[in-house]
Amino acid sequence: MIGIVDYNMGNLASVQNAFAKLKQDTVVENDPSKFKNYDKLILPGVGAFGDAMEHLRERNMIEALKEYALSGKYMLGICLGMQLLFDRSEEFGKHEGLKLIKGDVTAFNPSRFSEPLKVPHMGWNRMFTKEHTLFKNLDEEHYLYFVHTYHVNCTNKKDIIGQTGYGYEFTSAVAHENIMGIQPHPEKSHKNGLKILENFIGLY
């Protein structure tokens, strides 16, 4: 059984519907004491980093998520959920993250762009991936759907499993042991997105 963490900061219905298309049962879970009962966890997220961490704190979920990570079971962060896995963010001030993957979260820097582009980064873009079980049997060109203004800077390059170009190259997927994250929304990315979720289901 897969648990989808409900901390009032994610589009839970669309994530749950994507798993339903794959015939995978999920539970939207808001009780941190029950996280340990799930084989895998999804940490979704839409909105601001600081607000998300405050919601997790108010619901006593931070330590429960860290304990789950230490259990060795698989956890997948999606969009803001991926960013929360990191040490800190500079979004609307400085905020501490879950510190499950080393690195930080910064805004896109238009002064580094090779061409004029709008921020936020919104729409379909290609992810260049390393060989990883999460990306098994994807189409050769991995186009996925993105909506974000901030991106992660991953300290350990070996944790980077996907990169995307938008003005410059940024990290769009990470994996550190049993903890994984993807910046695009697989639940909005049609065939390739569903394949990523299907591969996550198959991890053991």
C-alpha atoms as a PDB file:
ATOM      1  CA  MET A   1       0.000   0.000   0.000  1.00  0.00           C
ATOM      2  CA  ILE A   2       1.214   3.499  -0.865  1.00  0.00           C
ATOM      3  CA  GLY A   3       0.510   6.476   1.377  1.00  0.00           C
ATOM      4  CA  ILE A   4       0.114  10.007  -0.010  1.00  0.00           C
ATOM      5  CA  VAL A   5       1.073  12.540   2.655  1.00  0.00           C
ATOM      6  CA  ASP A   6      -1.716  15.049   3.286  1.00  0.00           C
ATOM      7  CA  TYR A   7      -0.411  18.240   4.876  1.00  0.00           C
ATOM      8  CA  ASN A   8      -2.791  20.571   3.019  1.00  0.00           C
ATOM      9  CA  MET A   9      -0.201  21.635   0.425  1.00  0.00           C
ATOM     10  CA  GLY A  10      -0.698  19.360  -2.570  1.00  0.00           C
ATOM     11  CA  ASN A  11      -3.015  18.400  -5.390  1.00  0.00           C
ATOM     12  CA  LEU A  12      -3.782  15.063  -3.779  1.00  0.00           C
ATOM     13  CA  ALA A  13      -6.697  14.048  -5.989  1.00  0.00           C
ATOM     14  CA  SER A  14      -4.699  14.179  -9.227  1.00  0.00           C
ATOM     15  CA  VAL A  15      -1.866  12.154  -7.694  1.00  0.00           C
ATOM     16  CA  GLN A  16      -4.302   9.569  -6.356  1.00  0.00           C
ATOM     17  CA  ASN A  17      -6.101   9.421  -9.726  1.00  0.00           C
ATOM     18  CA  ALA A  18      -2.804   8.763 -11.514  1.00  0.00           C
ATOM     19  CA  PHE A  19      -2.142   5.760  -9.273  1.00  0.00           C
ATOM     20  CA  ALA A  20      -5.717   4.581  -9.788  1.00  0.00           C
ATOM     21  CA  LYS A  21      -5.059   4.465 -13.553  1.00  0.00           C
ATOM     22  CA  LEU A  22      -2.220   2.066 -12.722  1.00  0.00           C
ATOM     23  CA  LYS A  23      -4.554  -0.092 -10.575  1.00  0.00           C
ATOM     24  CA  GLN A  24      -2.541   0.831  -7.475  1.00  0.00           C
ATOM     25  CA  ASP A  25      -4.392   1.417  -4.208  1.00  0.00           C
ATOM     26  CA  THR A  26      -3.339   4.503  -2.261  1.00  0.00           C
ATOM     27  CA  VAL A  27      -4.432   6.183   0.960  1.00  0.00           C
ATOM     28  CA  VAL A  28      -4.351   9.933   1.509  1.00  0.00           C
ATOM     29  CA  GLU A  29      -2.830  10.000   4.989  1.00  0.00           C
ATOM     30  CA  ASN A  30      -2.837  12.903   7.469  1.00  0.00           C
ATOM     31  CA  ASP A  31      -1.875  10.898  10.582  1.00  0.00           C
ATOM     32  CA  PRO A  32       1.932  10.791  10.944  1.00  0.00           C
ATOM     33  CA  SER A  33       1.741   7.849  13.364  1.00  0.00           C
ATOM     34  CA  LYS A  34       0.453   5.745  10.457  1.00  0.00           C
ATOM     35  CA  PHE A  35       3.241   6.567   7.956  1.00  0.00           C
ATOM     36  CA  LYS A  36       5.186   3.500   9.069  1.00  0.00           C
ATOM     37  CA  ASN A  37       2.293   1.257   7.980  1.00  0.00           C
ATOM     38  CA  TYR A  38       2.850   2.022   4.287  1.00  0.00           C
ATOM     39  CA  ASP A  39       5.195   0.218   1.920  1.00  0.00           C
ATOM     40  CA  LYS A  40       5.967   3.490   0.141  1.00  0.00           C
ATOM     41  CA  LEU A  41       5.219   7.183   0.661  1.00  0.00           C
ATOM     42  CA  ILE A  42       4.515  10.016  -1.778  1.00  0.00           C
ATOM     43  CA  LEU A  43       5.277  13.562  -0.601  1.00  0.00           C
ATOM     44  CA  PRO A  44       3.443  15.890  -3.021  1.00  0.00           C
ATOM     45  CA  GLY A  45       3.488  19.649  -2.825  1.00  0.00           C
ATOM     46  CA  VAL A  46       2.196  22.845  -4.426  1.00  0.00           C
ATOM     47  CA  GLY A  47       2.943  26.289  -3.002  1.00  0.00           C
ATOM     48  CA  ALA A  48       5.696  27.946  -0.980  1.00  0.00           C
ATOM     49  CA  PHE A  49       8.484  26.063   0.807  1.00  0.00           C
ATOM     50  CA  GLY A  50       8.171  27.904   4.136  1.00  0.00           C
ATOM     51  CA  ASP A  51       4.415  27.399   4.298  1.00  0.00           C
ATOM     52  CA  ALA A  52       4.855  23.709   3.519  1.00  0.00           C
ATOM     53  CA  MET A  53       7.392  23.180   6.305  1.00  0.00           C
ATOM     54  CA  GLU A  54       5.123  25.017   8.735  1.00  0.00           C
ATOM     55  CA  HIS A  55       2.210  22.767   7.773  1.00  0.00           C
ATOM     56  CA  LEU A  56       4.385  19.685   8.313  1.00  0.00           C
ATOM     57  CA  ARG A  57       5.548  21.032  11.670  1.00  0.00           C
ATOM     58  CA  GLU A  58       2.024  21.823  12.861  1.00  0.00           C
ATOM     59  CA  ARG A  59       0.943  18.278  12.018  1.00  0.00           C
ATOM     60  CA  ASN A  60       3.958  16.644  13.719  1.00  0.00           C
ATOM     61  CA  MET A  61       5.016  15.139  10.406  1.00  0.00           C
ATOM     62  CA  ILE A  62       8.664  16.206  10.197  1.00  0.00           C
ATOM     63  CA  GLU A  63      10.077  13.595  12.566  1.00  0.00           C
ATOM     64  CA  ALA A  64       7.694  10.955  11.208  1.00  0.00           C
ATOM     65  CA  LEU A  65       9.012  11.564   7.675  1.00  0.00           C
ATOM     66  CA  LYS A  66      12.614  11.410   8.873  1.00  0.00           C
ATOM     67  CA  GLU A  67      11.925   8.144  10.697  1.00  0.00           C
ATOM     68  CA  TYR A  68      10.297   6.755   7.566  1.00  0.00           C
ATOM     69  CA  ALA A  69      13.361   7.700   5.528  1.00  0.00           C
ATOM     70  CA  LEU A  70      15.601   5.870   7.998  1.00  0.00           C
ATOM     71  CA  SER A  71      13.425   2.746   7.720  1.00  0.00           C
ATOM     72  CA  GLY A  72      14.756   2.105   4.219  1.00  0.00           C
ATOM     73  CA  LYS A  73      11.315   2.202   2.609  1.00  0.00           C
ATOM     74  CA  TYR A  74      10.955   4.209  -0.583  1.00  0.00           C
ATOM     75  CA  MET A  75       9.758   7.809  -0.539  1.00  0.00           C
ATOM     76  CA  LEU A  76       9.110  10.004  -3.591  1.00  0.00           C
ATOM     77  CA  GLY A  77       8.860  13.788  -3.423  1.00  0.00           C
ATOM     78  CA  ILE A  78       6.984  15.513  -6.260  1.00  0.00           C
ATOM     79  CA  CYS A  79       7.570  19.170  -7.263  1.00  0.00           C
ATOM     80  CA  LEU A  80       7.593  21.140  -3.971  1.00  0.00           C
ATOM     81  CA  GLY A  81       7.721  17.759  -2.225  1.00  0.00           C
ATOM     82  CA  MET A  82      11.095  17.135  -3.882  1.00  0.00           C
ATOM     83  CA  GLN A  83      12.394  20.527  -2.738  1.00  0.00           C
ATOM     84  CA  LEU A  84      11.346  19.809   0.852  1.00  0.00           C
ATOM     85  CA  LEU A  85      13.749  16.843   0.913  1.00  0.00           C
ATOM     86  CA  PHE A  86      16.707  19.257   0.867  1.00  0.00           C
ATOM     87  CA  ASP A  87      18.505  21.169   3.620  1.00  0.00           C
ATOM     88  CA  ARG A  88      17.094  24.652   3.103  1.00  0.00           C
ATOM     89  CA  SER A  89      15.347  27.091   0.774  1.00  0.00           C
ATOM     90  CA  GLU A  90      15.598  30.821   0.133  1.00  0.00           C
ATOM     91  CA  GLU A  91      11.971  31.141  -1.013  1.00  0.00           C
ATOM     92  CA  PHE A  92      10.489  34.210   0.751  1.00  0.00           C
ATOM     93  CA  GLY A  93      13.219  34.114   3.421  1.00  0.00           C
ATOM     94  CA  LYS A  94      15.419  31.305   4.690  1.00  0.00           C
ATOM     95  CA  HIS A  95      13.734  28.068   5.717  1.00  0.00           C
ATOM     96  CA  GLU A  96      15.073  24.719   6.925  1.00  0.00           C
ATOM     97  CA  GLY A  97      13.972  21.630   5.011  1.00  0.00           C
ATOM     98  CA  LEU A  98      13.760  17.944   5.904  1.00  0.00           C
ATOM     99  CA  LYS A  99      17.527  17.498   5.336  1.00  0.00           C
ATOM    100  CA  LEU A 100      17.166  14.069   3.742  1.00  0.00           C
ATOM    101  CA  ILE A 101      19.270  15.053   0.699  1.00  0.00           C
ATOM    102  CA  LYS A 102      22.167  17.512   0.856  1.00  0.00           C
ATOM    103  CA  GLY A 103      21.687  20.778  -0.995  1.00  0.00           C
ATOM    104  CA  ASP A 104      19.500  23.857  -1.150  1.00  0.00           C
ATOM    105  CA  VAL A 105      16.691  25.441  -3.128  1.00  0.00           C
ATOM    106  CA  THR A 106      17.141  28.705  -5.051  1.00  0.00           C
ATOM    107  CA  ALA A 107      15.150  30.784  -7.529  1.00  0.00           C
ATOM    108  CA  PHE A 108      15.833  30.696 -11.232  1.00  0.00           C
ATOM    109  CA  ASN A 109      18.406  33.394 -12.008  1.00  0.00           C
ATOM    110  CA  PRO A 110      17.471  35.166 -15.266  1.00  0.00           C
ATOM    111  CA  SER A 111      20.914  36.822 -15.394  1.00  0.00           C
ATOM    112  CA  ARG A 112      22.302  33.353 -16.166  1.00  0.00           C
ATOM    113  CA  PHE A 113      19.789  32.610 -18.924  1.00  0.00           C
ATOM    114  CA  SER A 114      21.191  32.050 -22.394  1.00  0.00           C
ATOM    115  CA  GLU A 115      18.011  33.618 -23.831  1.00  0.00           C
ATOM    116  CA  PRO A 116      15.047  35.643 -22.486  1.00  0.00           C
ATOM    117  CA  LEU A 117      12.631  33.289 -20.750  1.00  0.00           C
ATOM    118  CA  LYS A 118       9.655  33.709 -18.459  1.00  0.00           C
ATOM    119  CA  VAL A 119       9.700  32.626 -14.827  1.00  0.00           C
ATOM    120  CA  PRO A 120       8.047  30.490 -13.540  1.00  0.00           C
ATOM    121  CA  HIS A 121       9.190  27.625 -15.726  1.00  0.00           C
ATOM    122  CA  MET A 122       5.844  26.283 -16.884  1.00  0.00           C
ATOM    123  CA  GLY A 123       4.955  23.671 -19.475  1.00  0.00           C
ATOM    124  CA  TRP A 124       6.496  20.668 -21.194  1.00  0.00           C
ATOM    125  CA  ASN A 125      10.250  20.196 -21.122  1.00  0.00           C
ATOM    126  CA  ARG A 126      12.710  17.402 -21.630  1.00  0.00           C
ATOM    127  CA  MET A 127      14.444  15.610 -18.780  1.00  0.00           C
ATOM    128  CA  PHE A 128      17.857  14.132 -19.490  1.00  0.00           C
ATOM    129  CA  THR A 129      18.144  11.134 -17.205  1.00  0.00           C
ATOM    130  CA  LYS A 130      20.802   8.854 -15.841  1.00  0.00           C
ATOM    131  CA  GLU A 131      20.134   5.144 -15.810  1.00  0.00           C
ATOM    132  CA  HIS A 132      17.837   4.544 -12.849  1.00  0.00           C
ATOM    133  CA  THR A 133      14.949   2.179 -12.133  1.00  0.00           C
ATOM    134  CA  LEU A 134      12.593   5.165 -11.837  1.00  0.00           C
ATOM    135  CA  PHE A 135      13.114   5.897 -15.549  1.00  0.00           C
ATOM    136  CA  LYS A 136      13.005   2.350 -16.905  1.00  0.00           C
ATOM    137  CA  ASN A 137      11.292   2.040 -20.310  1.00  0.00           C
ATOM    138  CA  LEU A 138      10.484   5.732 -20.719  1.00  0.00           C
ATOM    139  CA  ASP A 139      10.240   7.151 -24.221  1.00  0.00           C
ATOM    140  CA  GLU A 140      13.651   8.132 -25.567  1.00  0.00           C
ATOM    141  CA  GLU A 141      12.742  11.815 -25.231  1.00  0.00           C
ATOM    142  CA  HIS A 142      11.426  12.222 -21.684  1.00  0.00           C
ATOM    143  CA  TYR A 143       9.102  15.232 -21.960  1.00  0.00           C
ATOM    144  CA  LEU A 144       7.367  15.991 -18.664  1.00  0.00           C
ATOM    145  CA  TYR A 145       5.210  18.799 -17.283  1.00  0.00           C
ATOM    146  CA  PHE A 146       6.840  21.462 -15.064  1.00  0.00           C
ATOM    147  CA  VAL A 147       5.473  24.354 -12.978  1.00  0.00           C
ATOM    148  CA  HIS A 148       8.035  26.001 -10.668  1.00  0.00           C
ATOM    149  CA  THR A 149       9.983  29.167  -9.878  1.00  0.00           C
ATOM    150  CA  TYR A 150      12.631  27.559  -7.631  1.00  0.00           C
ATOM    151  CA  HIS A 151      14.936  24.624  -8.274  1.00  0.00           C
ATOM    152  CA  VAL A 152      17.296  22.485  -6.223  1.00  0.00           C
ATOM    153  CA  ASN A 153      21.085  22.661  -6.083  1.00  0.00           C
ATOM    154  CA  CYS A 154      22.220  19.155  -5.190  1.00  0.00           C
ATOM    155  CA  THR A 155      25.492  18.985  -3.222  1.00  0.00           C
ATOM    156  CA  ASN A 156      26.372  15.397  -4.144  1.00  0.00           C
ATOM    157  CA  LYS A 157      26.462  15.003  -7.913  1.00  0.00           C
ATOM    158  CA  LYS A 158      25.955  11.248  -7.567  1.00  0.00           C
ATOM    159  CA  ASP A 159      22.460  11.971  -6.200  1.00  0.00           C
ATOM    160  CA  ILE A 160      21.456  13.696  -9.471  1.00  0.00           C
ATOM    161  CA  ILE A 161      19.547  11.357 -11.789  1.00  0.00           C
ATOM    162  CA  GLY A 162      17.785  13.897 -14.018  1.00  0.00           C
ATOM    163  CA  GLN A 163      18.563  17.321 -15.473  1.00  0.00           C
ATOM    164  CA  THR A 164      16.585  19.804 -17.542  1.00  0.00           C
ATOM    165  CA  GLY A 165      17.488  22.920 -19.487  1.00  0.00           C
ATOM    166  CA  TYR A 166      15.660  26.188 -18.902  1.00  0.00           C
ATOM    167  CA  GLY A 167      17.961  29.137 -19.401  1.00  0.00           C
ATOM    168  CA  TYR A 168      20.623  26.882 -17.927  1.00  0.00           C
ATOM    169  CA  GLU A 169      20.789  23.276 -16.821  1.00  0.00           C
ATOM    170  CA  PHE A 170      19.186  22.504 -13.456  1.00  0.00           C
ATOM    171  CA  THR A 171      18.602  19.354 -11.423  1.00  0.00           C
ATOM    172  CA  SER A 172      15.132  17.936 -12.033  1.00  0.00           C
ATOM    173  CA  ALA A 173      15.369  14.488 -10.419  1.00  0.00           C
ATOM    174  CA  VAL A 174      17.348  13.073  -7.495  1.00  0.00           C
ATOM    175  CA  ALA A 175      17.838   9.787  -5.696  1.00  0.00           C
ATOM    176  CA  HIS A 176      19.715   9.171  -2.458  1.00  0.00           C
ATOM    177  CA  GLU A 177      19.387   5.545  -1.407  1.00  0.00           C
ATOM    178  CA  ASN A 178      15.633   5.058  -0.764  1.00  0.00           C
ATOM    179  CA  ILE A 179      14.726   8.768  -1.054  1.00  0.00           C
ATOM    180  CA  MET A 180      13.810  10.127  -4.497  1.00  0.00           C
ATOM    181  CA  GLY A 181      12.409  13.325  -5.897  1.00  0.00           C
ATOM    182  CA  ILE A 182      11.244  14.686  -9.238  1.00  0.00           C
ATOM    183  CA  GLN A 183      10.574  18.347 -10.042  1.00  0.00           C
ATOM    184  CA  PRO A 184       7.984  17.802 -12.809  1.00  0.00           C
ATOM    185  CA  HIS A 185       4.486  16.547 -12.109  1.00  0.00           C
ATOM    186  CA  PRO A 186       4.205  12.900 -13.224  1.00  0.00           C
ATOM    187  CA  GLU A 187       0.451  12.977 -12.606  1.00  0.00           C
ATOM    188  CA  LYS A 188       0.194  15.695 -15.307  1.00  0.00           C
ATOM    189  CA  SER A 189       2.750  14.177 -17.692  1.00  0.00           C
ATOM    190  CA  HIS A 190       0.615  11.587 -19.486  1.00  0.00           C
ATOM    191  CA  LYS A 191       2.344   8.389 -20.622  1.00  0.00           C
ATOM    192  CA  ASN A 192       5.856   9.163 -19.355  1.00  0.00           C
ATOM    193  CA  GLY A 193       4.593  10.417 -16.012  1.00  0.00           C
ATOM    194  CA  LEU A 194       2.512   7.313 -15.448  1.00  0.00           C
ATOM    195  CA  LYS A 195       5.512   5.176 -16.368  1.00  0.00           C
ATOM    196  CA  ILE A 196       7.613   6.895 -13.668  1.00  0.00           C
ATOM    197  CA  LEU A 197       4.895   6.201 -11.088  1.00  0.00           C
ATOM    198  CA  GLU A 198       4.594   2.606 -12.315  1.00  0.00           C
ATOM    199  CA  ASN A 199       8.366   2.187 -11.891  1.00  0.00           C
ATOM    200  CA  PHE A 200       8.108   3.621  -8.372  1.00  0.00           C
ATOM    201  CA  ILE A 201       5.393   1.091  -7.562  1.00  0.00           C
ATOM    202  CA  GLY A 202       7.733  -1.676  -8.723  1.00  0.00           C
ATOM    203  CA  LEU A 203      10.652  -0.700  -6.472  1.00  0.00           C
ATOM    204  CA  TYR A 204      11.533  -3.330  -3.829  1.00  0.00           C
END
